[in-house]
Amino acid sequence: MIISASRRTDIPALYSKWFVNRIRAGWCLVPNPMNANQVSRVSLRPEDVDVIVFWSKNPAPLMPYLEELDEKGFRYYFQFTVNNYPRTLEPNIPSLDKRLSTFRELSHQVTPLRVIWRYDPIIISNLTAVESHIENFSRISGELKGVTRRVMVSIVDFYKKTDKRLLQLEKEEGFSFIRGEKLLKEVTCLMKELSIIASKNEIEIFTCAEDTDYSQLGITPGRCIDTELMLKCWSLRLKYKKDPSQRPVCLCTTSKDIGINNTCKHACAYCYATTSSITAERRFTEHNSDSPILWGNPGKLQEIKHSDYGQIDLPL
């Protein structure tokens, strides 16, 4: 079993203590994102977990615990997002310099192959034009040369909940976001430049869940949860099976996500996993790092202890 920690929230940045407590306990509870009353008990024992994939904009709080994960025999790697957007888009994350420093330290600790740089989502607007992306990508690539082996890039998806926030920024902050055919045209020009820059800095570049194939520009469709990478890192041979719970264009293999939506307080304007930053802040405050569930009421523990790792009904 592959554990995803997590597409739904930033566990390393915000819930490291909870995660390590659950590792020590050997299990956690995860509600179905479509039905909060349906809860899975997920094993976190080393013998049951093939690999843990961490997703984060700031993994620094988790880093003191990595030695413990190593001692317990866990295999893991990081998807580490580093953009350089205005604070109006990414208001609650550390400065670029701090994140680059964390990236280098993390790479030194776990090796460059196991820290994947994410430059996503790509948002093109009057305040984040193609030229600014080229400048930012070039700077970050140069800083990360030798400390990562690959970068994942993707274009922003204008979901209803994200589009509402972005439209608000257009009214209040003077943004003018490019959409539709014009966006695709500008992105094609940008992708060509990003491919050249990544190559110069000895970084492989892949797209993440994109409808358009940019292979002719040197950017191949990639997998964030990648059995081929696991083979390279640990000679671990896992059968690839496309995750049916992800979008059709997502090529990731199956995994179990242990996060909960609306619990990340980064408040990034483009986030697809947070509907309300107010709700996310409240849930973060209500969170109990000693609870078996990241957020919510675990209910009757005596009924859970003897249950299987499958689905159980549990009031939240």
Protein backbone atom coordinates (compact mmCIF):
# COMPACT_ATOMS: atom_id res chain seq x y z
CA MET A 1 0.00 0.00 0.00
CA ILE A 2 1.20 3.49 -0.90
CA ILE A 3 0.26 6.29 1.51
CA SER A 4 -0.38 9.77 0.11
CA ALA A 5 0.21 12.45 2.76
CA SER A 6 -1.54 14.33 1.34
CA ARG A 7 -3.18 15.85 -1.73
CA ARG A 8 -5.96 17.18 0.52
CA THR A 9 -3.91 19.16 3.03
CA ASP A 10 -0.31 19.98 3.91
CA ILE A 11 0.44 17.32 6.54
CA PRO A 12 4.22 17.98 6.76
CA ALA A 13 3.74 21.73 7.31
CA LEU A 14 0.67 21.69 9.57
CA TYR A 15 0.10 18.23 11.02
CA SER A 16 3.53 16.66 11.48
CA LYS A 17 2.98 15.90 15.16
CA TRP A 18 -0.32 14.16 14.41
CA PHE A 19 1.28 12.17 11.60
CA VAL A 20 4.18 10.96 13.75
CA ASN A 21 1.79 10.06 16.56
CA ARG A 22 -0.18 7.92 14.11
CA ILE A 23 3.02 6.32 12.81
CA ARG A 24 3.86 5.38 16.39
CA ALA A 25 0.35 4.01 16.92
CA GLY A 26 0.49 2.08 13.64
CA TRP A 27 -2.86 3.24 12.23
CA CYS A 28 -5.12 6.20 11.56
CA LEU A 29 -8.72 6.92 10.63
CA VAL A 30 -9.62 8.59 7.32
CA PRO A 31 -13.13 9.75 6.37
CA ASN A 32 -14.40 9.29 2.85
CA PRO A 33 -14.25 12.79 1.28
CA MET A 34 -17.65 12.13 -0.35
CA ASN A 35 -19.29 10.71 2.79
CA ALA A 36 -17.91 11.84 6.15
CA ASN A 37 -19.81 9.10 7.99
CA GLN A 38 -17.86 6.41 6.15
CA VAL A 39 -14.43 6.01 7.70
CA SER A 40 -11.47 3.79 6.87
CA ARG A 41 -9.01 2.48 9.41
CA VAL A 42 -5.66 2.58 7.59
CA SER A 43 -2.61 0.67 8.72
CA LEU A 44 0.57 2.72 9.08
CA ARG A 45 2.77 -0.18 10.11
CA PRO A 46 6.07 -0.41 8.20
CA GLU A 47 5.26 -3.92 7.01
CA ASP A 48 1.98 -2.70 5.46
CA VAL A 49 3.25 0.52 3.87
CA ASP A 50 5.31 0.26 0.68
CA VAL A 51 6.04 3.98 0.30
CA ILE A 52 4.83 7.28 1.76
CA VAL A 53 4.51 10.21 -0.65
CA PHE A 54 4.55 13.57 1.12
CA TRP A 55 3.07 16.68 -0.55
CA SER A 56 4.07 20.02 0.94
CA LYS A 57 4.86 23.69 0.51
CA ASN A 58 6.89 23.65 3.72
CA PRO A 59 8.13 20.25 4.97
CA ALA A 60 10.45 21.81 7.58
CA PRO A 61 8.25 20.82 10.59
CA LEU A 62 8.42 17.15 9.57
CA MET A 63 12.17 17.03 9.04
CA PRO A 64 13.12 16.44 12.72
CA TYR A 65 11.09 13.21 12.58
CA LEU A 66 12.63 11.75 9.40
CA GLU A 67 15.34 9.89 11.31
CA GLU A 68 12.60 8.11 13.24
CA LEU A 69 10.88 7.13 9.99
CA ASP A 70 14.20 5.81 8.71
CA GLU A 71 14.79 3.79 11.87
CA LYS A 72 11.34 2.23 11.58
CA GLY A 73 12.13 1.20 8.00
CA PHE A 74 9.76 3.49 6.09
CA ARG A 75 10.41 4.44 2.48
CA TYR A 76 9.26 7.92 1.48
CA TYR A 77 9.78 10.81 -0.89
CA PHE A 78 8.56 14.39 -1.19
CA GLN A 79 6.58 16.42 -3.69
CA PHE A 80 7.77 19.90 -2.66
CA THR A 81 5.98 22.87 -4.24
CA VAL A 82 8.16 25.94 -4.80
CA ASN A 83 6.67 28.82 -6.76
CA ASN A 84 7.32 32.52 -6.30
CA TYR A 85 3.86 33.99 -6.42
CA PRO A 86 2.62 37.25 -4.89
CA ARG A 87 1.30 37.04 -1.34
CA THR A 88 -2.22 37.54 -2.64
CA LEU A 89 -1.98 34.08 -4.25
CA GLU A 90 0.07 32.35 -1.54
CA PRO A 91 -0.42 34.35 1.68
CA ASN A 92 0.64 31.95 4.43
CA ILE A 93 3.80 30.16 3.38
CA PRO A 94 7.45 30.98 4.20
CA SER A 95 9.50 33.23 1.95
CA LEU A 96 11.08 31.83 -1.18
CA ASP A 97 14.56 32.02 0.35
CA LYS A 98 13.45 30.00 3.39
CA ARG A 99 11.81 27.35 1.23
CA LEU A 100 14.87 27.05 -0.99
CA SER A 101 17.00 26.63 2.12
CA THR A 102 14.62 23.94 3.41
CA PHE A 103 14.72 22.24 0.02
CA ARG A 104 18.52 22.04 0.06
CA GLU A 105 18.59 20.77 3.64
CA LEU A 106 15.92 18.15 2.90
CA SER A 107 17.72 17.01 -0.24
CA HIS A 108 20.95 16.62 1.71
CA GLN A 109 19.08 14.54 4.28
CA VAL A 110 17.17 12.18 1.96
CA THR A 111 19.01 12.52 -1.44
CA PRO A 112 18.01 14.63 -4.49
CA LEU A 113 16.13 11.76 -6.15
CA ARG A 114 13.60 11.74 -3.31
CA VAL A 115 12.77 15.45 -3.32
CA ILE A 116 10.73 16.34 -6.39
CA TRP A 117 10.24 20.00 -7.17
CA ARG A 118 6.71 21.04 -8.08
CA TYR A 119 6.27 24.25 -10.05
CA ASP A 120 2.51 24.33 -10.05
CA PRO A 121 -0.05 25.42 -10.73
CA ILE A 122 1.04 27.74 -13.51
CA ILE A 123 -1.21 30.80 -13.41
CA ILE A 124 -0.85 33.37 -16.15
CA SER A 125 -2.24 36.83 -15.50
CA ASN A 126 -1.33 40.47 -15.92
CA LEU A 127 0.62 40.19 -12.63
CA THR A 128 2.11 36.73 -13.28
CA ALA A 129 2.96 36.96 -16.96
CA VAL A 130 4.90 34.44 -19.04
CA GLU A 131 8.04 36.56 -18.64
CA SER A 132 7.78 36.46 -14.84
CA HIS A 133 7.39 32.67 -14.91
CA ILE A 134 10.50 32.34 -17.04
CA GLU A 135 12.42 34.56 -14.62
CA ASN A 136 11.16 32.71 -11.52
CA PHE A 137 11.64 29.25 -12.99
CA SER A 138 15.16 30.15 -14.09
CA ARG A 139 16.08 31.45 -10.65
CA ILE A 140 14.60 28.50 -8.76
CA SER A 141 16.10 25.98 -11.21
CA GLY A 142 19.53 27.47 -10.68
CA GLU A 143 19.11 27.36 -6.90
CA LEU A 144 17.98 23.71 -7.02
CA LYS A 145 20.56 22.44 -9.51
CA GLY A 146 22.12 19.35 -8.01
CA VAL A 147 19.59 19.06 -5.18
CA THR A 148 16.69 17.67 -7.20
CA ARG A 149 16.44 15.42 -10.24
CA ARG A 150 12.97 16.28 -11.53
CA VAL A 151 10.31 18.97 -11.66
CA MET A 152 6.56 18.53 -12.13
CA VAL A 153 4.65 21.35 -13.86
CA SER A 154 0.93 21.83 -14.32
CA ILE A 155 -1.50 24.50 -15.42
CA VAL A 156 -4.14 25.87 -13.06
CA ASP A 157 -7.56 24.25 -13.28
CA PHE A 158 -10.41 26.72 -12.94
CA TYR A 159 -12.70 24.67 -10.71
CA LYS A 160 -15.80 26.46 -9.42
CA LYS A 161 -14.39 26.90 -5.91
CA THR A 162 -11.04 28.20 -7.19
CA ASP A 163 -12.55 30.35 -9.90
CA LYS A 164 -14.71 32.11 -7.31
CA ARG A 165 -11.63 33.12 -5.31
CA LEU A 166 -9.69 34.16 -8.40
CA LEU A 167 -12.59 36.27 -9.64
CA GLN A 168 -12.59 37.99 -6.24
CA LEU A 169 -8.90 38.79 -6.71
CA GLU A 170 -9.69 40.31 -10.09
CA LYS A 171 -12.12 42.68 -8.38
CA GLU A 172 -10.05 43.49 -5.31
CA GLU A 173 -6.38 43.14 -6.32
CA GLY A 174 -6.28 44.07 -9.98
CA PHE A 175 -5.55 40.58 -11.34
CA SER A 176 -6.64 39.70 -14.83
CA PHE A 177 -6.36 35.94 -15.26
CA ILE A 178 -5.92 34.46 -18.72
CA ARG A 179 -8.21 31.55 -19.55
CA GLY A 180 -9.27 29.35 -22.44
CA GLU A 181 -7.53 29.27 -25.81
CA LYS A 182 -5.37 32.27 -25.03
CA LEU A 183 -4.07 30.51 -21.92
CA LEU A 184 -3.17 27.37 -23.88
CA LYS A 185 -1.33 29.43 -26.48
CA GLU A 186 0.73 31.27 -23.87
CA VAL A 187 1.40 28.09 -21.91
CA THR A 188 2.80 26.38 -25.02
CA CYS A 189 5.32 29.20 -25.43
CA LEU A 190 6.14 29.03 -21.73
CA MET A 191 6.58 25.25 -21.69
CA LYS A 192 9.19 25.48 -24.42
CA GLU A 193 11.25 27.88 -22.30
CA LEU A 194 10.79 25.84 -19.11
CA SER A 195 12.04 22.72 -20.86
CA ILE A 196 15.22 24.50 -21.99
CA ILE A 197 15.86 25.98 -18.53
CA ALA A 198 15.30 22.66 -16.74
CA SER A 199 17.65 20.86 -19.12
CA LYS A 200 20.40 23.45 -18.53
CA ASN A 201 20.11 22.78 -14.80
CA GLU A 202 20.11 18.97 -15.20
CA ILE A 203 16.51 18.60 -14.02
CA GLU A 204 14.06 16.29 -15.80
CA ILE A 205 10.74 18.02 -16.47
CA PHE A 206 7.32 16.35 -16.51
CA THR A 207 3.73 17.51 -16.71
CA CYS A 208 1.22 16.61 -14.02
CA ALA A 209 -2.28 15.60 -15.19
CA GLU A 210 -2.37 17.72 -18.35
CA ASP A 211 -4.72 17.20 -21.29
CA THR A 212 -2.16 18.62 -23.70
CA ASP A 213 0.89 16.54 -24.55
CA TYR A 214 4.08 18.63 -24.57
CA SER A 215 6.40 15.75 -25.41
CA GLN A 216 7.54 17.50 -28.60
CA LEU A 217 8.93 20.23 -26.34
CA GLY A 218 10.83 17.75 -24.19
CA ILE A 219 8.23 17.58 -21.42
CA THR A 220 6.68 14.13 -21.02
CA PRO A 221 3.53 13.23 -19.06
CA GLY A 222 4.57 12.30 -15.55
CA ARG A 223 3.35 10.46 -12.46
CA CYS A 224 3.61 12.09 -9.06
CA ILE A 225 2.97 8.78 -7.32
CA ASP A 226 5.35 6.84 -9.49
CA THR A 227 6.25 3.15 -9.30
CA GLU A 228 9.19 3.72 -11.67
CA LEU A 229 10.67 6.26 -9.26
CA MET A 230 10.19 3.78 -6.42
CA LEU A 231 12.13 1.23 -8.42
CA LYS A 232 14.98 3.72 -8.89
CA CYS A 233 15.03 4.73 -5.23
CA TRP A 234 14.75 1.35 -3.53
CA SER A 235 14.73 -1.34 -6.24
CA LEU A 236 11.13 -1.78 -5.16
CA ARG A 237 9.02 -3.50 -7.81
CA LEU A 238 5.37 -2.52 -7.44
CA LYS A 239 2.72 -3.22 -10.03
CA TYR A 240 1.47 -0.06 -11.72
CA LYS A 241 -2.27 0.50 -11.62
CA LYS A 242 -3.76 3.86 -12.54
CA ASP A 243 -5.59 5.40 -9.61
CA PRO A 244 -9.30 5.33 -10.59
CA SER A 245 -10.16 7.97 -7.97
CA GLN A 246 -8.06 10.60 -9.78
CA ARG A 247 -8.84 12.48 -12.98
CA PRO A 248 -8.61 10.52 -16.26
CA VAL A 249 -5.47 12.47 -17.28
CA CYS A 250 -3.74 11.74 -13.94
CA LEU A 251 -1.23 8.90 -14.37
CA CYS A 252 -0.50 8.29 -10.68
CA THR A 253 -0.65 4.76 -9.38
CA THR A 254 -3.18 3.86 -6.69
CA SER A 255 -2.61 5.13 -3.17
CA LYS A 256 -4.46 5.78 0.08
CA ASP A 257 -4.72 9.46 1.00
CA ILE A 258 -4.87 10.08 4.75
CA GLY A 259 -5.70 13.81 4.61
CA ILE A 260 -8.96 15.72 4.96
CA ASN A 261 -10.17 18.58 2.76
CA ASN A 262 -10.67 22.04 4.24
CA THR A 263 -7.91 21.64 6.82
CA CYS A 264 -5.05 23.50 5.13
CA LYS A 265 -4.59 27.07 6.36
CA HIS A 266 -2.11 28.15 3.68
CA ALA A 267 -5.13 29.84 2.03
CA CYS A 268 -3.66 29.68 -1.49
CA ALA A 269 -6.13 31.31 -3.85
CA TYR A 270 -5.89 28.51 -6.43
CA CYS A 271 -6.37 25.59 -3.99
CA TYR A 272 -8.80 22.86 -5.07
CA ALA A 273 -8.92 21.14 -1.64
CA THR A 274 -10.07 24.13 0.41
CA THR A 275 -13.50 25.61 -0.10
CA SER A 276 -13.30 28.03 2.82
CA SER A 277 -10.18 29.41 4.49
CA ILE A 278 -12.33 30.25 7.53
CA THR A 279 -13.37 26.60 7.83
CA ALA A 280 -9.78 25.49 7.37
CA GLU A 281 -8.56 27.82 10.13
CA ARG A 282 -11.30 26.60 12.48
CA ARG A 283 -10.54 22.94 11.79
CA PHE A 284 -6.84 23.54 12.32
CA THR A 285 -7.63 25.09 15.70
CA GLU A 286 -9.94 22.21 16.61
CA HIS A 287 -7.42 19.61 15.52
CA ASN A 288 -6.05 17.26 18.20
CA SER A 289 -2.62 15.80 17.45
CA ASP A 290 -3.39 12.83 19.76
CA SER A 291 -6.57 11.90 17.91
CA PRO A 292 -6.62 8.93 15.49
CA ILE A 293 -8.26 11.20 12.90
CA LEU A 294 -6.73 14.38 11.51
CA TRP A 295 -9.87 16.36 12.25
CA GLY A 296 -13.24 15.36 13.70
CA ASN A 297 -14.74 13.20 16.43
CA PRO A 298 -13.31 9.65 16.40
CA GLY A 299 -16.43 8.34 18.13
CA LYS A 300 -16.46 5.03 19.98
CA LEU A 301 -12.87 3.84 19.99
CA GLN A 302 -13.70 0.39 21.34
CA GLU A 303 -15.68 -0.32 18.16
CA ILE A 304 -12.74 0.74 15.99
CA LYS A 305 -9.96 -1.17 17.69
CA HIS A 306 -11.26 -4.54 16.60
CA SER A 307 -12.39 -3.50 13.12
CA ASP A 308 -10.67 -4.44 9.91
CA TYR A 309 -8.82 -1.89 7.74
CA GLY A 310 -11.87 -1.57 5.52
CA GLN A 311 -14.84 0.79 5.70
CA ILE A 312 -16.72 1.37 8.97
CA ASP A 313 -19.54 3.71 9.86
CA LEU A 314 -18.51 6.37 12.32
CA PRO A 315 -20.23 9.65 13.27
CA LEU A 316 -18.06 12.75 12.79
